[in-house]
Amino acid sequence: MNSKRPRILALDIGRRRIGRAVSDPLGISAQGLPTLARRNLAADLAALGADARQHEIGLWLLGLPLLPSGDAGSQAAAIREFGTKLANATSLPVEYWDERFTTVMAEQVLREAGSSQQKRRQAVDRLAAVLILQSYLDRRE
């Protein structure tokens, strides 16, 4: 039987939006949260800090956009910098998870579900965060 674990909040960080997903209290499944429209660093960190308190988060999981070769490029460096600031602002640990192709997979799932292009744009970041978190949870078991 699984015991209650600290919840994990996964982030798919883009320039305009942050997709978010949270683990259930048992650490088995990922549920999407509304996408956060980015404003500025201080506002983004404040909103995420509120998420951490509301959902009793014990860990941040940030999608790390590696290059197809597996190397880290400038986008990965920017995510690591954001992760450092997030950890400092919330006093919570940050882990990184390879997010290669999660956005592509999310778009494919939404396209196959018959979502319009506008609805796909609104949902893709959240679904990418769910895919990041669910793959992390599945590997952890």
N, C-alpha and C. Protein backbone atom coordinates (compact mmCIF):
# COMPACT_ATOMS: atom_id res chain seq x y z
N MET A 1 0.85 -1.18 0.00
CA MET A 1 0.00 0.00 0.00
C MET A 1 0.89 1.24 0.00
N ASN A 2 0.57 2.22 -0.83
CA ASN A 2 1.34 3.45 -0.90
C ASN A 2 1.00 4.35 0.27
N SER A 3 2.03 5.00 0.81
CA SER A 3 1.80 5.99 1.85
C SER A 3 1.78 7.37 1.22
N LYS A 4 1.26 8.32 1.95
CA LYS A 4 1.17 9.67 1.43
C LYS A 4 2.58 10.25 1.26
N ARG A 5 2.81 10.87 0.11
CA ARG A 5 4.11 11.47 -0.20
C ARG A 5 3.91 12.97 -0.38
N PRO A 6 5.00 13.73 -0.20
CA PRO A 6 4.88 15.16 -0.55
C PRO A 6 4.52 15.27 -2.02
N ARG A 7 3.67 16.21 -2.32
CA ARG A 7 3.21 16.36 -3.71
C ARG A 7 4.28 17.05 -4.55
N ILE A 8 4.22 16.77 -5.83
CA ILE A 8 5.17 17.32 -6.79
C ILE A 8 4.41 18.22 -7.74
N LEU A 9 4.98 19.37 -8.02
CA LEU A 9 4.40 20.26 -9.02
C LEU A 9 5.37 20.35 -10.18
N ALA A 10 4.94 19.88 -11.34
CA ALA A 10 5.77 19.89 -12.54
C ALA A 10 5.44 21.12 -13.37
N LEU A 11 6.49 21.68 -13.98
CA LEU A 11 6.34 22.88 -14.78
C LEU A 11 6.91 22.66 -16.18
N ASP A 12 6.14 23.07 -17.17
CA ASP A 12 6.62 23.16 -18.55
C ASP A 12 6.73 24.66 -18.83
N ILE A 13 7.94 25.16 -18.75
CA ILE A 13 8.17 26.61 -18.78
C ILE A 13 8.44 27.08 -20.20
N GLY A 14 7.60 27.99 -20.63
CA GLY A 14 7.79 28.63 -21.92
C GLY A 14 7.99 30.12 -21.74
N ARG A 15 8.19 30.81 -22.84
CA ARG A 15 8.40 32.26 -22.75
C ARG A 15 7.13 33.01 -22.37
N ARG A 16 5.97 32.50 -22.81
CA ARG A 16 4.70 33.19 -22.56
C ARG A 16 3.83 32.53 -21.51
N ARG A 17 3.97 31.21 -21.36
CA ARG A 17 3.11 30.46 -20.46
C ARG A 17 3.91 29.42 -19.69
N ILE A 18 3.36 29.02 -18.54
CA ILE A 18 3.93 27.92 -17.77
C ILE A 18 2.83 26.88 -17.59
N GLY A 19 3.04 25.71 -18.18
CA GLY A 19 2.13 24.60 -17.98
C GLY A 19 2.42 23.99 -16.61
N ARG A 20 1.36 23.60 -15.90
CA ARG A 20 1.53 23.09 -14.54
C ARG A 20 0.74 21.80 -14.35
N ALA A 21 1.32 20.89 -13.59
CA ALA A 21 0.64 19.65 -13.23
C ALA A 21 1.08 19.27 -11.82
N VAL A 22 0.17 18.71 -11.06
CA VAL A 22 0.47 18.33 -9.67
C VAL A 22 0.19 16.84 -9.49
N SER A 23 1.00 16.22 -8.64
CA SER A 23 0.78 14.80 -8.35
C SER A 23 -0.34 14.66 -7.33
N ASP A 24 -0.97 13.51 -7.35
CA ASP A 24 -1.98 13.22 -6.33
C ASP A 24 -1.26 12.96 -5.01
N PRO A 25 -1.99 12.93 -3.88
CA PRO A 25 -1.32 12.75 -2.58
C PRO A 25 -0.53 11.45 -2.43
N LEU A 26 -0.85 10.43 -3.22
CA LEU A 26 -0.13 9.17 -3.13
C LEU A 26 1.06 9.11 -4.09
N GLY A 27 1.20 10.11 -4.94
CA GLY A 27 2.32 10.14 -5.87
C GLY A 27 2.18 9.15 -7.01
N ILE A 28 0.96 8.90 -7.44
CA ILE A 28 0.70 7.92 -8.49
C ILE A 28 0.37 8.59 -9.83
N SER A 29 -0.44 9.62 -9.79
CA SER A 29 -0.90 10.21 -11.04
C SER A 29 -0.73 11.73 -11.06
N ALA A 30 -0.73 12.26 -12.28
CA ALA A 30 -0.55 13.70 -12.50
C ALA A 30 -1.87 14.30 -12.96
N GLN A 31 -2.21 15.44 -12.38
CA GLN A 31 -3.39 16.18 -12.81
C GLN A 31 -2.96 17.57 -13.26
N GLY A 32 -3.48 17.99 -14.41
CA GLY A 32 -3.14 19.30 -14.92
C GLY A 32 -3.80 20.41 -14.14
N LEU A 33 -3.10 21.51 -14.03
CA LEU A 33 -3.64 22.74 -13.44
C LEU A 33 -3.75 23.78 -14.55
N PRO A 34 -4.53 24.82 -14.32
CA PRO A 34 -4.62 25.87 -15.36
C PRO A 34 -3.24 26.43 -15.70
N THR A 35 -3.05 26.73 -16.96
CA THR A 35 -1.79 27.29 -17.43
C THR A 35 -1.62 28.70 -16.87
N LEU A 36 -0.41 29.02 -16.47
CA LEU A 36 -0.08 30.33 -15.92
C LEU A 36 0.47 31.21 -17.04
N ALA A 37 -0.19 32.34 -17.28
CA ALA A 37 0.32 33.31 -18.25
C ALA A 37 1.45 34.08 -17.57
N ARG A 38 2.61 34.08 -18.21
CA ARG A 38 3.77 34.74 -17.62
C ARG A 38 3.63 36.25 -17.70
N ARG A 39 4.07 36.92 -16.63
CA ARG A 39 4.06 38.38 -16.60
C ARG A 39 5.48 38.90 -16.44
N ASN A 40 6.09 38.60 -15.31
CA ASN A 40 7.48 38.94 -15.06
C ASN A 40 7.98 37.97 -14.00
N LEU A 41 9.26 37.97 -13.74
CA LEU A 41 9.84 36.97 -12.84
C LEU A 41 9.21 37.03 -11.45
N ALA A 42 9.09 38.23 -10.89
CA ALA A 42 8.54 38.35 -9.53
C ALA A 42 7.11 37.83 -9.46
N ALA A 43 6.28 38.19 -10.45
CA ALA A 43 4.89 37.73 -10.46
C ALA A 43 4.81 36.22 -10.67
N ASP A 44 5.66 35.70 -11.55
CA ASP A 44 5.67 34.25 -11.80
C ASP A 44 6.05 33.49 -10.53
N LEU A 45 7.10 33.95 -9.84
CA LEU A 45 7.54 33.28 -8.62
C LEU A 45 6.49 33.39 -7.52
N ALA A 46 5.81 34.53 -7.42
CA ALA A 46 4.76 34.70 -6.42
C ALA A 46 3.61 33.74 -6.69
N ALA A 47 3.19 33.62 -7.96
CA ALA A 47 2.10 32.72 -8.31
C ALA A 47 2.48 31.26 -8.03
N LEU A 48 3.70 30.90 -8.34
CA LEU A 48 4.14 29.53 -8.09
C LEU A 48 4.29 29.26 -6.60
N GLY A 49 4.73 30.26 -5.85
CA GLY A 49 4.80 30.11 -4.38
C GLY A 49 3.41 29.86 -3.80
N ALA A 50 2.41 30.56 -4.33
CA ALA A 50 1.03 30.33 -3.88
C ALA A 50 0.59 28.91 -4.22
N ASP A 51 0.97 28.42 -5.40
CA ASP A 51 0.67 27.04 -5.77
C ASP A 51 1.28 26.06 -4.77
N ALA A 52 2.53 26.32 -4.40
CA ALA A 52 3.23 25.43 -3.48
C ALA A 52 2.50 25.33 -2.15
N ARG A 53 2.04 26.45 -1.65
CA ARG A 53 1.30 26.45 -0.37
C ARG A 53 -0.06 25.78 -0.53
N GLN A 54 -0.78 26.13 -1.58
CA GLN A 54 -2.12 25.59 -1.78
C GLN A 54 -2.12 24.07 -1.93
N HIS A 55 -1.15 23.53 -2.67
CA HIS A 55 -1.13 22.10 -2.96
C HIS A 55 -0.17 21.31 -2.08
N GLU A 56 0.44 21.99 -1.09
CA GLU A 56 1.38 21.33 -0.17
C GLU A 56 2.49 20.60 -0.92
N ILE A 57 3.17 21.36 -1.76
CA ILE A 57 4.23 20.83 -2.61
C ILE A 57 5.50 20.57 -1.80
N GLY A 58 6.15 19.47 -2.11
CA GLY A 58 7.43 19.15 -1.49
C GLY A 58 8.58 19.16 -2.48
N LEU A 59 8.25 19.25 -3.78
CA LEU A 59 9.27 19.20 -4.82
C LEU A 59 8.76 19.86 -6.09
N TRP A 60 9.62 20.65 -6.71
CA TRP A 60 9.37 21.19 -8.05
C TRP A 60 10.03 20.27 -9.06
N LEU A 61 9.35 19.97 -10.14
CA LEU A 61 9.91 19.19 -11.22
C LEU A 61 9.82 20.04 -12.47
N LEU A 62 10.96 20.48 -12.98
CA LEU A 62 10.98 21.36 -14.13
C LEU A 62 11.38 20.57 -15.37
N GLY A 63 10.58 20.71 -16.41
CA GLY A 63 10.92 20.09 -17.68
C GLY A 63 12.17 20.75 -18.24
N LEU A 64 13.16 19.94 -18.59
CA LEU A 64 14.43 20.44 -19.11
C LEU A 64 14.48 20.20 -20.61
N PRO A 65 14.46 21.29 -21.40
CA PRO A 65 14.42 21.15 -22.86
C PRO A 65 15.80 20.84 -23.45
N LEU A 66 16.15 19.58 -23.44
CA LEU A 66 17.42 19.17 -24.02
C LEU A 66 17.32 19.13 -25.54
N LEU A 67 18.45 19.23 -26.18
CA LEU A 67 18.50 19.10 -27.64
C LEU A 67 18.27 17.63 -28.01
N PRO A 68 17.86 17.33 -29.25
CA PRO A 68 17.64 15.94 -29.64
C PRO A 68 18.86 15.04 -29.36
N SER A 69 20.05 15.62 -29.38
CA SER A 69 21.27 14.85 -29.09
C SER A 69 21.40 14.51 -27.62
N GLY A 70 20.60 15.18 -26.77
CA GLY A 70 20.70 14.98 -25.33
C GLY A 70 21.54 16.04 -24.65
N ASP A 71 22.17 16.91 -25.44
CA ASP A 71 22.97 17.99 -24.88
C ASP A 71 22.06 19.11 -24.39
N ALA A 72 22.59 19.90 -23.46
CA ALA A 72 21.86 21.05 -22.94
C ALA A 72 22.24 22.28 -23.76
N GLY A 73 21.24 22.99 -24.23
CA GLY A 73 21.47 24.22 -24.99
C GLY A 73 21.12 25.44 -24.16
N SER A 74 20.93 26.56 -24.83
CA SER A 74 20.64 27.81 -24.12
C SER A 74 19.29 27.76 -23.39
N GLN A 75 18.31 27.08 -23.97
CA GLN A 75 17.00 26.96 -23.31
C GLN A 75 17.13 26.19 -21.99
N ALA A 76 17.92 25.13 -21.99
CA ALA A 76 18.11 24.36 -20.76
C ALA A 76 18.81 25.20 -19.70
N ALA A 77 19.77 26.02 -20.11
CA ALA A 77 20.46 26.90 -19.17
C ALA A 77 19.48 27.89 -18.56
N ALA A 78 18.57 28.43 -19.37
CA ALA A 78 17.58 29.38 -18.86
C ALA A 78 16.63 28.70 -17.86
N ILE A 79 16.26 27.45 -18.12
CA ILE A 79 15.38 26.72 -17.20
C ILE A 79 16.11 26.45 -15.88
N ARG A 80 17.38 26.09 -15.95
CA ARG A 80 18.15 25.86 -14.72
C ARG A 80 18.27 27.16 -13.90
N GLU A 81 18.45 28.27 -14.58
CA GLU A 81 18.52 29.56 -13.89
C GLU A 81 17.19 29.87 -13.21
N PHE A 82 16.08 29.64 -13.92
CA PHE A 82 14.76 29.83 -13.33
C PHE A 82 14.58 28.90 -12.13
N GLY A 83 15.02 27.65 -12.26
CA GLY A 83 14.91 26.68 -11.17
C GLY A 83 15.65 27.13 -9.92
N THR A 84 16.81 27.71 -10.09
CA THR A 84 17.58 28.22 -8.95
C THR A 84 16.80 29.33 -8.26
N LYS A 85 16.23 30.23 -9.04
CA LYS A 85 15.45 31.33 -8.47
C LYS A 85 14.19 30.82 -7.79
N LEU A 86 13.55 29.81 -8.38
CA LEU A 86 12.35 29.22 -7.79
C LEU A 86 12.69 28.54 -6.46
N ALA A 87 13.78 27.80 -6.43
CA ALA A 87 14.20 27.13 -5.19
C ALA A 87 14.50 28.15 -4.10
N ASN A 88 15.18 29.23 -4.46
CA ASN A 88 15.50 30.26 -3.48
C ASN A 88 14.25 30.97 -2.98
N ALA A 89 13.29 31.21 -3.87
CA ALA A 89 12.07 31.93 -3.50
C ALA A 89 11.13 31.09 -2.64
N THR A 90 11.14 29.77 -2.82
CA THR A 90 10.17 28.91 -2.12
C THR A 90 10.79 27.99 -1.08
N SER A 91 12.11 27.93 -1.04
CA SER A 91 12.83 27.02 -0.13
C SER A 91 12.44 25.56 -0.35
N LEU A 92 12.10 25.22 -1.59
CA LEU A 92 11.77 23.84 -1.95
C LEU A 92 12.77 23.32 -2.96
N PRO A 93 13.08 22.02 -2.91
CA PRO A 93 14.02 21.47 -3.87
C PRO A 93 13.46 21.43 -5.28
N VAL A 94 14.37 21.49 -6.24
CA VAL A 94 14.02 21.45 -7.65
C VAL A 94 14.74 20.28 -8.30
N GLU A 95 14.03 19.51 -9.08
CA GLU A 95 14.62 18.48 -9.92
C GLU A 95 14.28 18.81 -11.36
N TYR A 96 15.07 18.27 -12.28
CA TYR A 96 14.85 18.51 -13.69
C TYR A 96 14.57 17.18 -14.38
N TRP A 97 13.72 17.23 -15.39
CA TRP A 97 13.32 16.01 -16.11
C TRP A 97 13.36 16.29 -17.60
N ASP A 98 13.97 15.39 -18.31
CA ASP A 98 14.09 15.51 -19.77
C ASP A 98 12.70 15.65 -20.38
N GLU A 99 12.47 16.78 -21.03
CA GLU A 99 11.15 17.01 -21.61
C GLU A 99 11.16 16.93 -23.13
N ARG A 100 12.24 16.37 -23.70
CA ARG A 100 12.28 16.29 -25.15
C ARG A 100 11.01 15.64 -25.68
N PHE A 101 10.42 16.30 -26.64
CA PHE A 101 9.26 15.81 -27.38
C PHE A 101 7.94 15.82 -26.62
N THR A 102 7.89 16.31 -25.36
CA THR A 102 6.61 16.31 -24.65
C THR A 102 5.61 17.26 -25.30
N THR A 103 6.07 18.42 -25.77
CA THR A 103 5.16 19.34 -26.42
C THR A 103 4.64 18.74 -27.72
N VAL A 104 5.51 18.08 -28.46
CA VAL A 104 5.10 17.43 -29.70
C VAL A 104 4.07 16.34 -29.40
N MET A 105 4.33 15.54 -28.36
CA MET A 105 3.38 14.48 -27.99
C MET A 105 2.05 15.09 -27.55
N ALA A 106 2.10 16.17 -26.77
CA ALA A 106 0.88 16.82 -26.30
C ALA A 106 0.07 17.34 -27.47
N GLU A 107 0.74 17.99 -28.43
CA GLU A 107 0.03 18.50 -29.61
C GLU A 107 -0.60 17.36 -30.41
N GLN A 108 0.09 16.24 -30.52
CA GLN A 108 -0.43 15.09 -31.26
C GLN A 108 -1.67 14.53 -30.57
N VAL A 109 -1.61 14.39 -29.26
CA VAL A 109 -2.76 13.88 -28.51
C VAL A 109 -3.96 14.78 -28.71
N LEU A 110 -3.75 16.09 -28.60
CA LEU A 110 -4.85 17.04 -28.75
C LEU A 110 -5.39 17.05 -30.18
N ARG A 111 -4.50 16.93 -31.16
CA ARG A 111 -4.93 16.90 -32.57
C ARG A 111 -5.78 15.66 -32.81
N GLU A 112 -5.31 14.50 -32.30
CA GLU A 112 -6.05 13.26 -32.49
C GLU A 112 -7.39 13.28 -31.77
N ALA A 113 -7.48 14.08 -30.70
CA ALA A 113 -8.74 14.20 -29.96
C ALA A 113 -9.71 15.14 -30.68
N GLY A 114 -9.25 15.76 -31.76
CA GLY A 114 -10.12 16.64 -32.53
C GLY A 114 -10.20 18.06 -32.01
N SER A 115 -9.26 18.46 -31.17
CA SER A 115 -9.27 19.82 -30.64
C SER A 115 -8.93 20.82 -31.73
N SER A 116 -9.58 21.97 -31.69
CA SER A 116 -9.28 23.02 -32.65
C SER A 116 -7.89 23.59 -32.35
N GLN A 117 -7.33 24.28 -33.31
CA GLN A 117 -6.00 24.85 -33.13
C GLN A 117 -5.97 25.80 -31.93
N GLN A 118 -7.01 26.60 -31.74
CA GLN A 118 -7.05 27.53 -30.61
C GLN A 118 -7.09 26.77 -29.29
N LYS A 119 -7.91 25.73 -29.21
CA LYS A 119 -7.98 24.94 -27.98
C LYS A 119 -6.67 24.21 -27.72
N ARG A 120 -6.02 23.74 -28.78
CA ARG A 120 -4.72 23.08 -28.62
C ARG A 120 -3.71 24.05 -28.01
N ARG A 121 -3.69 25.28 -28.53
CA ARG A 121 -2.75 26.28 -28.03
C ARG A 121 -2.96 26.51 -26.54
N GLN A 122 -4.21 26.52 -26.10
CA GLN A 122 -4.54 26.77 -24.70
C GLN A 122 -4.20 25.57 -23.80
N ALA A 123 -4.25 24.38 -24.34
CA ALA A 123 -4.10 23.18 -23.51
C ALA A 123 -2.74 22.51 -23.60
N VAL A 124 -1.94 22.83 -24.61
CA VAL A 124 -0.72 22.07 -24.86
C VAL A 124 0.29 22.19 -23.72
N ASP A 125 0.42 23.35 -23.11
CA ASP A 125 1.40 23.52 -22.02
C ASP A 125 1.01 22.71 -20.80
N ARG A 126 -0.28 22.71 -20.47
CA ARG A 126 -0.75 21.93 -19.33
C ARG A 126 -0.54 20.44 -19.59
N LEU A 127 -0.90 19.97 -20.79
CA LEU A 127 -0.73 18.56 -21.11
C LEU A 127 0.74 18.17 -21.13
N ALA A 128 1.60 19.05 -21.61
CA ALA A 128 3.05 18.77 -21.58
C ALA A 128 3.52 18.61 -20.14
N ALA A 129 3.04 19.45 -19.23
CA ALA A 129 3.42 19.33 -17.81
C ALA A 129 2.92 18.00 -17.24
N VAL A 130 1.70 17.60 -17.62
CA VAL A 130 1.16 16.31 -17.16
C VAL A 130 2.05 15.17 -17.66
N LEU A 131 2.45 15.22 -18.92
CA LEU A 131 3.31 14.16 -19.48
C LEU A 131 4.67 14.11 -18.78
N ILE A 132 5.24 15.27 -18.48
CA ILE A 132 6.52 15.33 -17.76
C ILE A 132 6.37 14.67 -16.40
N LEU A 133 5.35 15.09 -15.66
CA LEU A 133 5.16 14.57 -14.30
C LEU A 133 4.81 13.09 -14.31
N GLN A 134 3.93 12.66 -15.21
CA GLN A 134 3.54 11.25 -15.22
C GLN A 134 4.72 10.36 -15.57
N SER A 135 5.57 10.79 -16.49
CA SER A 135 6.74 9.96 -16.82
C SER A 135 7.69 9.89 -15.62
N TYR A 136 7.83 10.97 -14.88
CA TYR A 136 8.66 10.98 -13.67
C TYR A 136 8.07 10.02 -12.62
N LEU A 137 6.77 10.12 -12.39
CA LEU A 137 6.13 9.25 -11.40
C LEU A 137 6.23 7.78 -11.79
N ASP A 138 6.05 7.49 -13.08
CA ASP A 138 6.13 6.10 -13.54
C ASP A 138 7.54 5.55 -13.37
N ARG A 139 8.54 6.34 -13.61
CA ARG A 139 9.93 5.87 -13.45
C ARG A 139 10.32 5.70 -12.00
N ARG A 140 9.71 6.49 -11.13
CA ARG A 140 10.07 6.48 -9.71
C ARG A 140 9.59 5.22 -9.01
N GLU A 141 8.52 4.65 -9.50
CA GLU A 141 7.93 3.47 -8.81
C GLU A 141 8.80 2.27 -8.90
